[in-house]
PDB file of N, CA and C in Angstrom:
ATOM      1  N   MET A   1     -30.549  -1.674   2.262  1.00  0.00           N
ATOM      2  CA  MET A   1     -29.225  -1.245   1.853  1.00  0.00           C
ATOM      3  C   MET A   1     -28.906  -1.912   0.523  1.00  0.00           C
ATOM      4  N   ASP A   2     -28.503  -1.098  -0.427  1.00  0.00           N
ATOM      5  CA  ASP A   2     -28.217  -1.604  -1.767  1.00  0.00           C
ATOM      6  C   ASP A   2     -26.766  -2.017  -1.956  1.00  0.00           C
ATOM      7  N   ALA A   3     -25.857  -1.357  -1.232  1.00  0.00           N
ATOM      8  CA  ALA A   3     -24.439  -1.664  -1.417  1.00  0.00           C
ATOM      9  C   ALA A   3     -23.688  -1.432  -0.107  1.00  0.00           C
ATOM     10  N   TRP A   4     -22.761  -2.319   0.150  1.00  0.00           N
ATOM     11  CA  TRP A   4     -21.880  -2.182   1.304  1.00  0.00           C
ATOM     12  C   TRP A   4     -20.586  -2.884   0.910  1.00  0.00           C
ATOM     13  N   TYR A   5     -19.515  -2.133   0.871  1.00  0.00           N
ATOM     14  CA  TYR A   5     -18.269  -2.711   0.412  1.00  0.00           C
ATOM     15  C   TYR A   5     -17.069  -2.000   1.048  1.00  0.00           C
ATOM     16  N   ARG A   6     -15.939  -2.651   0.931  1.00  0.00           N
ATOM     17  CA  ARG A   6     -14.665  -2.106   1.406  1.00  0.00           C
ATOM     18  C   ARG A   6     -13.760  -1.980   0.192  1.00  0.00           C
ATOM     19  N   THR A   7     -13.003  -0.902   0.143  1.00  0.00           N
ATOM     20  CA  THR A   7     -12.052  -0.730  -0.955  1.00  0.00           C
ATOM     21  C   THR A   7     -10.649  -0.505  -0.398  1.00  0.00           C
ATOM     22  N   HIS A   8      -9.686  -0.909  -1.149  1.00  0.00           N
ATOM     23  CA  HIS A   8      -8.303  -0.537  -0.876  1.00  0.00           C
ATOM     24  C   HIS A   8      -7.596  -0.394  -2.219  1.00  0.00           C
ATOM     25  N   TRP A   9      -6.505   0.328  -2.200  1.00  0.00           N
ATOM     26  CA  TRP A   9      -5.768   0.640  -3.431  1.00  0.00           C
ATOM     27  C   TRP A   9      -4.375   0.051  -3.368  1.00  0.00           C
ATOM     28  N   THR A  10      -3.876  -0.358  -4.518  1.00  0.00           N
ATOM     29  CA  THR A  10      -2.494  -0.825  -4.628  1.00  0.00           C
ATOM     30  C   THR A  10      -1.822  -0.052  -5.766  1.00  0.00           C
ATOM     31  N   PHE A  11      -0.493  -0.033  -5.728  1.00  0.00           N
ATOM     32  CA  PHE A  11       0.275   0.601  -6.791  1.00  0.00           C
ATOM     33  C   PHE A  11       1.657  -0.011  -6.836  1.00  0.00           C
ATOM     34  N   ARG A  12       2.390   0.338  -7.873  1.00  0.00           N
ATOM     35  CA  ARG A  12       3.787  -0.078  -7.986  1.00  0.00           C
ATOM     36  C   ARG A  12       4.658   1.162  -7.984  1.00  0.00           C
ATOM     37  N   TRP A  13       5.793   1.046  -7.337  1.00  0.00           N
ATOM     38  CA  TRP A  13       6.799   2.106  -7.312  1.00  0.00           C
ATOM     39  C   TRP A  13       8.127   1.433  -7.582  1.00  0.00           C
ATOM     40  N   LYS A  14       8.822   1.896  -8.619  1.00  0.00           N
ATOM     41  CA  LYS A  14      10.085   1.285  -9.058  1.00  0.00           C
ATOM     42  C   LYS A  14       9.911  -0.213  -9.289  1.00  0.00           C
ATOM     43  N   GLY A  15       8.722  -0.584  -9.791  1.00  0.00           N
ATOM     44  CA  GLY A  15       8.435  -1.971 -10.121  1.00  0.00           C
ATOM     45  C   GLY A  15       8.019  -2.847  -8.960  1.00  0.00           C
ATOM     46  N   GLU A  16       8.000  -2.318  -7.750  1.00  0.00           N
ATOM     47  CA  GLU A  16       7.674  -3.116  -6.566  1.00  0.00           C
ATOM     48  C   GLU A  16       6.248  -2.813  -6.087  1.00  0.00           C
ATOM     49  N   PRO A  17       5.554  -3.823  -5.480  1.00  0.00           N
ATOM     50  CA  PRO A  17       4.156  -3.655  -5.084  1.00  0.00           C
ATOM     51  C   PRO A  17       3.982  -3.014  -3.694  1.00  0.00           C
ATOM     52  N   PHE A  18       2.974  -2.149  -3.607  1.00  0.00           N
ATOM     53  CA  PHE A  18       2.657  -1.461  -2.349  1.00  0.00           C
ATOM     54  C   PHE A  18       1.148  -1.384  -2.168  1.00  0.00           C
ATOM     55  N   ASP A  19       0.691  -1.419  -0.924  1.00  0.00           N
ATOM     56  CA  ASP A  19      -0.684  -1.078  -0.571  1.00  0.00           C
ATOM     57  C   ASP A  19      -0.698   0.401  -0.250  1.00  0.00           C
ATOM     58  N   ALA A  20      -1.634   1.136  -0.830  1.00  0.00           N
ATOM     59  CA  ALA A  20      -1.747   2.561  -0.532  1.00  0.00           C
ATOM     60  C   ALA A  20      -2.224   2.731   0.906  1.00  0.00           C
ATOM     61  N   ALA A  21      -1.589   3.662   1.621  1.00  0.00           N
ATOM     62  CA  ALA A  21      -1.922   3.896   3.030  1.00  0.00           C
ATOM     63  C   ALA A  21      -2.277   5.357   3.274  1.00  0.00           C
ATOM     64  N   GLY A  22      -2.607   6.086   2.223  1.00  0.00           N
ATOM     65  CA  GLY A  22      -2.983   7.485   2.374  1.00  0.00           C
ATOM     66  C   GLY A  22      -2.053   8.392   1.607  1.00  0.00           C
ATOM     67  N   THR A  23      -2.130   9.680   1.947  1.00  0.00           N
ATOM     68  CA  THR A  23      -1.265  10.665   1.306  1.00  0.00           C
ATOM     69  C   THR A  23      -0.548  11.478   2.368  1.00  0.00           C
ATOM     70  N   VAL A  24       0.635  11.961   2.012  1.00  0.00           N
ATOM     71  CA  VAL A  24       1.442  12.803   2.892  1.00  0.00           C
ATOM     72  C   VAL A  24       2.021  13.914   2.026  1.00  0.00           C
ATOM     73  N   ASP A  25       1.652  15.145   2.320  1.00  0.00           N
ATOM     74  CA  ASP A  25       2.180  16.302   1.584  1.00  0.00           C
ATOM     75  C   ASP A  25       2.084  16.137   0.065  1.00  0.00           C
ATOM     76  N   GLY A  26       0.934  15.656  -0.420  1.00  0.00           N
ATOM     77  CA  GLY A  26       0.736  15.512  -1.852  1.00  0.00           C
ATOM     78  C   GLY A  26       1.396  14.294  -2.471  1.00  0.00           C
ATOM     79  N   ARG A  27       1.947  13.433  -1.638  1.00  0.00           N
ATOM     80  CA  ARG A  27       2.587  12.200  -2.127  1.00  0.00           C
ATOM     81  C   ARG A  27       1.768  11.015  -1.631  1.00  0.00           C
ATOM     82  N   ILE A  28       1.828   9.906  -2.378  1.00  0.00           N
ATOM     83  CA  ILE A  28       1.126   8.710  -1.961  1.00  0.00           C
ATOM     84  C   ILE A  28       2.030   7.908  -1.017  1.00  0.00           C
ATOM     85  N   LYS A  29       1.460   7.477   0.102  1.00  0.00           N
ATOM     86  CA  LYS A  29       2.214   6.649   1.051  1.00  0.00           C
ATOM     87  C   LYS A  29       1.807   5.209   0.820  1.00  0.00           C
ATOM     88  N   GLY A  30       2.797   4.321   0.771  1.00  0.00           N
ATOM     89  CA  GLY A  30       2.509   2.912   0.539  1.00  0.00           C
ATOM     90  C   GLY A  30       3.296   2.005   1.453  1.00  0.00           C
ATOM     91  N   VAL A  31       2.687   0.869   1.767  1.00  0.00           N
ATOM     92  CA  VAL A  31       3.322  -0.175   2.570  1.00  0.00           C
ATOM     93  C   VAL A  31       3.761  -1.282   1.619  1.00  0.00           C
ATOM     94  N   TYR A  32       5.042  -1.635   1.660  1.00  0.00           N
ATOM     95  CA  TYR A  32       5.596  -2.650   0.757  1.00  0.00           C
ATOM     96  C   TYR A  32       4.929  -3.994   1.010  1.00  0.00           C
ATOM     97  N   THR A  33       4.503  -4.661  -0.066  1.00  0.00           N
ATOM     98  CA  THR A  33       3.816  -5.947   0.059  1.00  0.00           C
ATOM     99  C   THR A  33       4.517  -7.078  -0.684  1.00  0.00           C
ATOM    100  N   GLY A  34       5.688  -6.815  -1.229  1.00  0.00           N
ATOM    101  CA  GLY A  34       6.407  -7.844  -1.975  1.00  0.00           C
ATOM    102  C   GLY A  34       7.092  -8.844  -1.060  1.00  0.00           C
ATOM    103  N   GLY A  35       7.618  -9.881  -1.645  1.00  0.00           N
ATOM    104  CA  GLY A  35       8.237 -10.949  -0.879  1.00  0.00           C
ATOM    105  C   GLY A  35       9.705 -10.762  -0.555  1.00  0.00           C
ATOM    106  N   SER A  36      10.354  -9.761  -1.147  1.00  0.00           N
ATOM    107  CA  SER A  36      11.788  -9.563  -0.929  1.00  0.00           C
ATOM    108  C   SER A  36      12.038  -8.358  -0.037  1.00  0.00           C
ATOM    109  N   TRP A  37      11.279  -8.231   1.039  1.00  0.00           N
ATOM    110  CA  TRP A  37      11.308  -7.002   1.830  1.00  0.00           C
ATOM    111  C   TRP A  37      12.690  -6.645   2.343  1.00  0.00           C
ATOM    112  N   GLY A  38      13.500  -7.589   2.776  1.00  0.00           N
ATOM    113  CA  GLY A  38      14.825  -7.271   3.307  1.00  0.00           C
ATOM    114  C   GLY A  38      15.721  -6.638   2.255  1.00  0.00           C
ATOM    115  N   PHE A  39      15.777  -7.239   1.091  1.00  0.00           N
ATOM    116  CA  PHE A  39      16.590  -6.724  -0.007  1.00  0.00           C
ATOM    117  C   PHE A  39      16.031  -5.405  -0.520  1.00  0.00           C
ATOM    118  N   VAL A  40      14.736  -5.365  -0.782  1.00  0.00           N
ATOM    119  CA  VAL A  40      14.101  -4.172  -1.343  1.00  0.00           C
ATOM    120  C   VAL A  40      14.144  -3.007  -0.358  1.00  0.00           C
ATOM    121  N   ALA A  41      13.893  -3.283   0.920  1.00  0.00           N
ATOM    122  CA  ALA A  41      13.911  -2.206   1.917  1.00  0.00           C
ATOM    123  C   ALA A  41      15.267  -1.515   1.944  1.00  0.00           C
ATOM    124  N   HIS A  42      16.322  -2.283   1.863  1.00  0.00           N
ATOM    125  CA  HIS A  42      17.670  -1.718   1.863  1.00  0.00           C
ATOM    126  C   HIS A  42      17.968  -1.011   0.539  1.00  0.00           C
ATOM    127  N   THR A  43      17.708  -1.683  -0.568  1.00  0.00           N
ATOM    128  CA  THR A  43      18.031  -1.145  -1.892  1.00  0.00           C
ATOM    129  C   THR A  43      17.265   0.138  -2.197  1.00  0.00           C
ATOM    130  N   LEU A  44      15.977   0.155  -1.899  1.00  0.00           N
ATOM    131  CA  LEU A  44      15.143   1.317  -2.214  1.00  0.00           C
ATOM    132  C   LEU A  44      15.064   2.325  -1.071  1.00  0.00           C
ATOM    133  N   GLN A  45      15.762   2.036   0.020  1.00  0.00           N
ATOM    134  CA  GLN A  45      15.790   2.908   1.189  1.00  0.00           C
ATOM    135  C   GLN A  45      14.379   3.207   1.691  1.00  0.00           C
ATOM    136  N   LEU A  46      13.609   2.134   1.898  1.00  0.00           N
ATOM    137  CA  LEU A  46      12.264   2.275   2.438  1.00  0.00           C
ATOM    138  C   LEU A  46      12.344   2.656   3.912  1.00  0.00           C
ATOM    139  N   ILE A  47      11.276   3.242   4.422  1.00  0.00           N
ATOM    140  CA  ILE A  47      11.234   3.734   5.797  1.00  0.00           C
ATOM    141  C   ILE A  47      10.635   2.652   6.702  1.00  0.00           C
ATOM    142  N   PRO A  48      11.368   2.179   7.716  1.00  0.00           N
ATOM    143  CA  PRO A  48      10.784   1.192   8.636  1.00  0.00           C
ATOM    144  C   PRO A  48       9.829   1.892   9.604  1.00  0.00           C
ATOM    145  N   GLU A  49       8.674   1.280   9.820  1.00  0.00           N
ATOM    146  CA  GLU A  49       7.677   1.801  10.760  1.00  0.00           C
ATOM    147  C   GLU A  49       7.060   0.635  11.510  1.00  0.00           C
ATOM    148  N   LYS A  50       6.571   0.888  12.700  1.00  0.00           N
ATOM    149  CA  LYS A  50       5.827  -0.138  13.434  1.00  0.00           C
ATOM    150  C   LYS A  50       4.517  -0.376  12.706  1.00  0.00           C
ATOM    151  N   GLY A  51       4.125  -1.644  12.593  1.00  0.00           N
ATOM    152  CA  GLY A  51       2.865  -1.992  11.962  1.00  0.00           C
ATOM    153  C   GLY A  51       1.694  -1.673  12.879  1.00  0.00           C
ATOM    154  N   PRO A  52       0.484  -1.881  12.388  1.00  0.00           N
ATOM    155  CA  PRO A  52      -0.710  -1.584  13.185  1.00  0.00           C
ATOM    156  C   PRO A  52      -0.763  -2.335  14.515  1.00  0.00           C
ATOM    157  N   ASP A  53      -0.110  -3.491  14.591  1.00  0.00           N
ATOM    158  CA  ASP A  53      -0.117  -4.246  15.839  1.00  0.00           C
ATOM    159  C   ASP A  53       0.878  -3.696  16.864  1.00  0.00           C
ATOM    160  N   GLY A  54       1.696  -2.731  16.454  1.00  0.00           N
ATOM    161  CA  GLY A  54       2.665  -2.128  17.368  1.00  0.00           C
ATOM    162  C   GLY A  54       3.897  -2.969  17.619  1.00  0.00           C
ATOM    163  N   VAL A  55       3.975  -4.131  17.000  1.00  0.00           N
ATOM    164  CA  VAL A  55       5.081  -5.057  17.241  1.00  0.00           C
ATOM    165  C   VAL A  55       5.932  -5.269  15.985  1.00  0.00           C
ATOM    166  N   HIS A  56       5.290  -5.608  14.893  1.00  0.00           N
ATOM    167  CA  HIS A  56       6.005  -5.934  13.667  1.00  0.00           C
ATOM    168  C   HIS A  56       6.360  -4.672  12.888  1.00  0.00           C
ATOM    169  N   THR A  57       7.434  -4.770  12.132  1.00  0.00           N
ATOM    170  CA  THR A  57       7.891  -3.656  11.313  1.00  0.00           C
ATOM    171  C   THR A  57       7.338  -3.791   9.903  1.00  0.00           C
ATOM    172  N   GLN A  58       6.886  -2.676   9.354  1.00  0.00           N
ATOM    173  CA  GLN A  58       6.502  -2.626   7.941  1.00  0.00           C
ATOM    174  C   GLN A  58       7.358  -1.562   7.279  1.00  0.00           C
ATOM    175  N   TYR A  59       7.527  -1.684   5.984  1.00  0.00           N
ATOM    176  CA  TYR A  59       8.388  -0.750   5.256  1.00  0.00           C
ATOM    177  C   TYR A  59       7.534   0.095   4.318  1.00  0.00           C
ATOM    178  N   THR A  60       7.732   1.400   4.367  1.00  0.00           N
ATOM    179  CA  THR A  60       6.885   2.312   3.619  1.00  0.00           C
ATOM    180  C   THR A  60       7.699   3.224   2.706  1.00  0.00           C
ATOM    181  N   VAL A  61       6.980   3.835   1.773  1.00  0.00           N
ATOM    182  CA  VAL A  61       7.554   4.821   0.875  1.00  0.00           C
ATOM    183  C   VAL A  61       6.548   5.957   0.750  1.00  0.00           C
ATOM    184  N   GLN A  62       7.055   7.154   0.526  1.00  0.00           N
ATOM    185  CA  GLN A  62       6.210   8.287   0.173  1.00  0.00           C
ATOM    186  C   GLN A  62       6.640   8.699  -1.228  1.00  0.00           C
ATOM    187  N   ALA A  63       5.843   8.300  -2.211  1.00  0.00           N
ATOM    188  CA  ALA A  63       6.219   8.469  -3.612  1.00  0.00           C
ATOM    189  C   ALA A  63       5.414   9.581  -4.263  1.00  0.00           C
ATOM    190  N   GLY A  64       6.056  10.304  -5.154  1.00  0.00           N
ATOM    191  CA  GLY A  64       5.334  11.270  -5.967  1.00  0.00           C
ATOM    192  C   GLY A  64       4.338  10.545  -6.853  1.00  0.00           C
ATOM    193  N   LEU A  65       3.174  11.140  -7.057  1.00  0.00           N
ATOM    194  CA  LEU A  65       2.135  10.472  -7.844  1.00  0.00           C
ATOM    195  C   LEU A  65       2.588  10.134  -9.255  1.00  0.00           C
ATOM    196  N   LYS A  66       3.470  10.928  -9.833  1.00  0.00           N
ATOM    197  CA  LYS A  66       3.926  10.621 -11.190  1.00  0.00           C
ATOM    198  C   LYS A  66       4.830   9.384 -11.217  1.00  0.00           C
ATOM    199  N   ASN A  67       5.359   8.988 -10.063  1.00  0.00           N
ATOM    200  CA  ASN A  67       6.225   7.812  -9.991  1.00  0.00           C
ATOM    201  C   ASN A  67       5.486   6.544  -9.581  1.00  0.00           C
ATOM    202  N   ALA A  68       4.239   6.686  -9.156  1.00  0.00           N
ATOM    203  CA  ALA A  68       3.423   5.527  -8.788  1.00  0.00           C
ATOM    204  C   ALA A  68       2.719   5.032 -10.052  1.00  0.00           C
ATOM    205  N   THR A  69       2.882   3.756 -10.357  1.00  0.00           N
ATOM    206  CA  THR A  69       2.250   3.190 -11.551  1.00  0.00           C
ATOM    207  C   THR A  69       1.255   2.111 -11.140  1.00  0.00           C
ATOM    208  N   ASP A  70       0.453   1.703 -12.087  1.00  0.00           N
ATOM    209  CA  ASP A  70      -0.502   0.606 -11.894  1.00  0.00           C
ATOM    210  C   ASP A  70      -1.416   0.813 -10.689  1.00  0.00           C
ATOM    211  N   LEU A  71      -1.824   2.051 -10.453  1.00  0.00           N
ATOM    212  CA  LEU A  71      -2.747   2.340  -9.353  1.00  0.00           C
ATOM    213  C   LEU A  71      -4.053   1.607  -9.622  1.00  0.00           C
ATOM    214  N   GLU A  72      -4.471   0.774  -8.671  1.00  0.00           N
ATOM    215  CA  GLU A  72      -5.639  -0.065  -8.886  1.00  0.00           C
ATOM    216  C   GLU A  72      -6.502  -0.120  -7.630  1.00  0.00           C
ATOM    217  N   GLN A  73      -7.815   0.009  -7.830  1.00  0.00           N
ATOM    218  CA  GLN A  73      -8.763  -0.101  -6.729  1.00  0.00           C
ATOM    219  C   GLN A  73      -9.239  -1.544  -6.620  1.00  0.00           C
ATOM    220  N   HIS A  74      -9.278  -2.059  -5.386  1.00  0.00           N
ATOM    221  CA  HIS A  74      -9.782  -3.404  -5.109  1.00  0.00           C
ATOM    222  C   HIS A  74     -11.022  -3.238  -4.230  1.00  0.00           C
ATOM    223  N   ARG A  75     -12.122  -3.818  -4.662  1.00  0.00           N
ATOM    224  CA  ARG A  75     -13.387  -3.649  -3.965  1.00  0.00           C
ATOM    225  C   ARG A  75     -13.886  -5.005  -3.492  1.00  0.00           C
ATOM    226  N   THR A  76     -14.228  -5.092  -2.203  1.00  0.00           N
ATOM    227  CA  THR A  76     -14.765  -6.315  -1.621  1.00  0.00           C
ATOM    228  C   THR A  76     -16.210  -6.061  -1.219  1.00  0.00           C
ATOM    229  N   ASP A  77     -17.137  -6.819  -1.782  1.00  0.00           N
ATOM    230  CA  ASP A  77     -18.554  -6.705  -1.463  1.00  0.00           C
ATOM    231  C   ASP A  77     -18.786  -7.306  -0.082  1.00  0.00           C
ATOM    232  N   LEU A  78     -19.410  -6.558   0.816  1.00  0.00           N
ATOM    233  CA  LEU A  78     -19.668  -7.036   2.173  1.00  0.00           C
ATOM    234  C   LEU A  78     -21.120  -7.456   2.403  1.00  0.00           C
ATOM    235  N   LEU A  79     -21.979  -7.264   1.408  1.00  0.00           N
ATOM    236  CA  LEU A  79     -23.352  -7.728   1.541  1.00  0.00           C
ATOM    237  C   LEU A  79     -23.431  -9.221   1.241  1.00  0.00           C
ATOM    238  N   PRO A  80     -24.222  -9.953   2.019  1.00  0.00           N
ATOM    239  CA  PRO A  80     -24.356 -11.368   1.726  1.00  0.00           C
ATOM    240  C   PRO A  80     -25.058 -11.584   0.381  1.00  0.00           C
ATOM    241  N   LYS A  81     -24.653 -12.610  -0.309  1.00  0.00           N
ATOM    242  CA  LYS A  81     -25.282 -12.959  -1.593  1.00  0.00           C
ATOM    243  C   LYS A  81     -26.694 -13.480  -1.334  1.00  0.00           C
ATOM    244  N   GLN A  82     -27.607 -13.059  -2.180  1.00  0.00           N
ATOM    245  CA  GLN A  82     -29.001 -13.513  -2.010  1.00  0.00           C
ATOM    246  C   GLN A  82     -29.404 -14.449  -3.107  1.00  0.00           C
TER     247      GLN A  82
END
């Protein structure tokens, strides 16, 4: 095997950071990753959703692609270094 890696994408919407979580009806869905979630969730009217653990709440947005800035791919190499 020559390559084995994991990728994830991040972007900014209205200046705030999000992890990309897929697309919905041609819009990018993101999970808010900033430190001011209480203030930002209220101000930007983010959507509360249960997190993957089914217990904690995460805040999401479905943004038009033209409004998402700084889209960036993050790649983690999973092969051991030789």
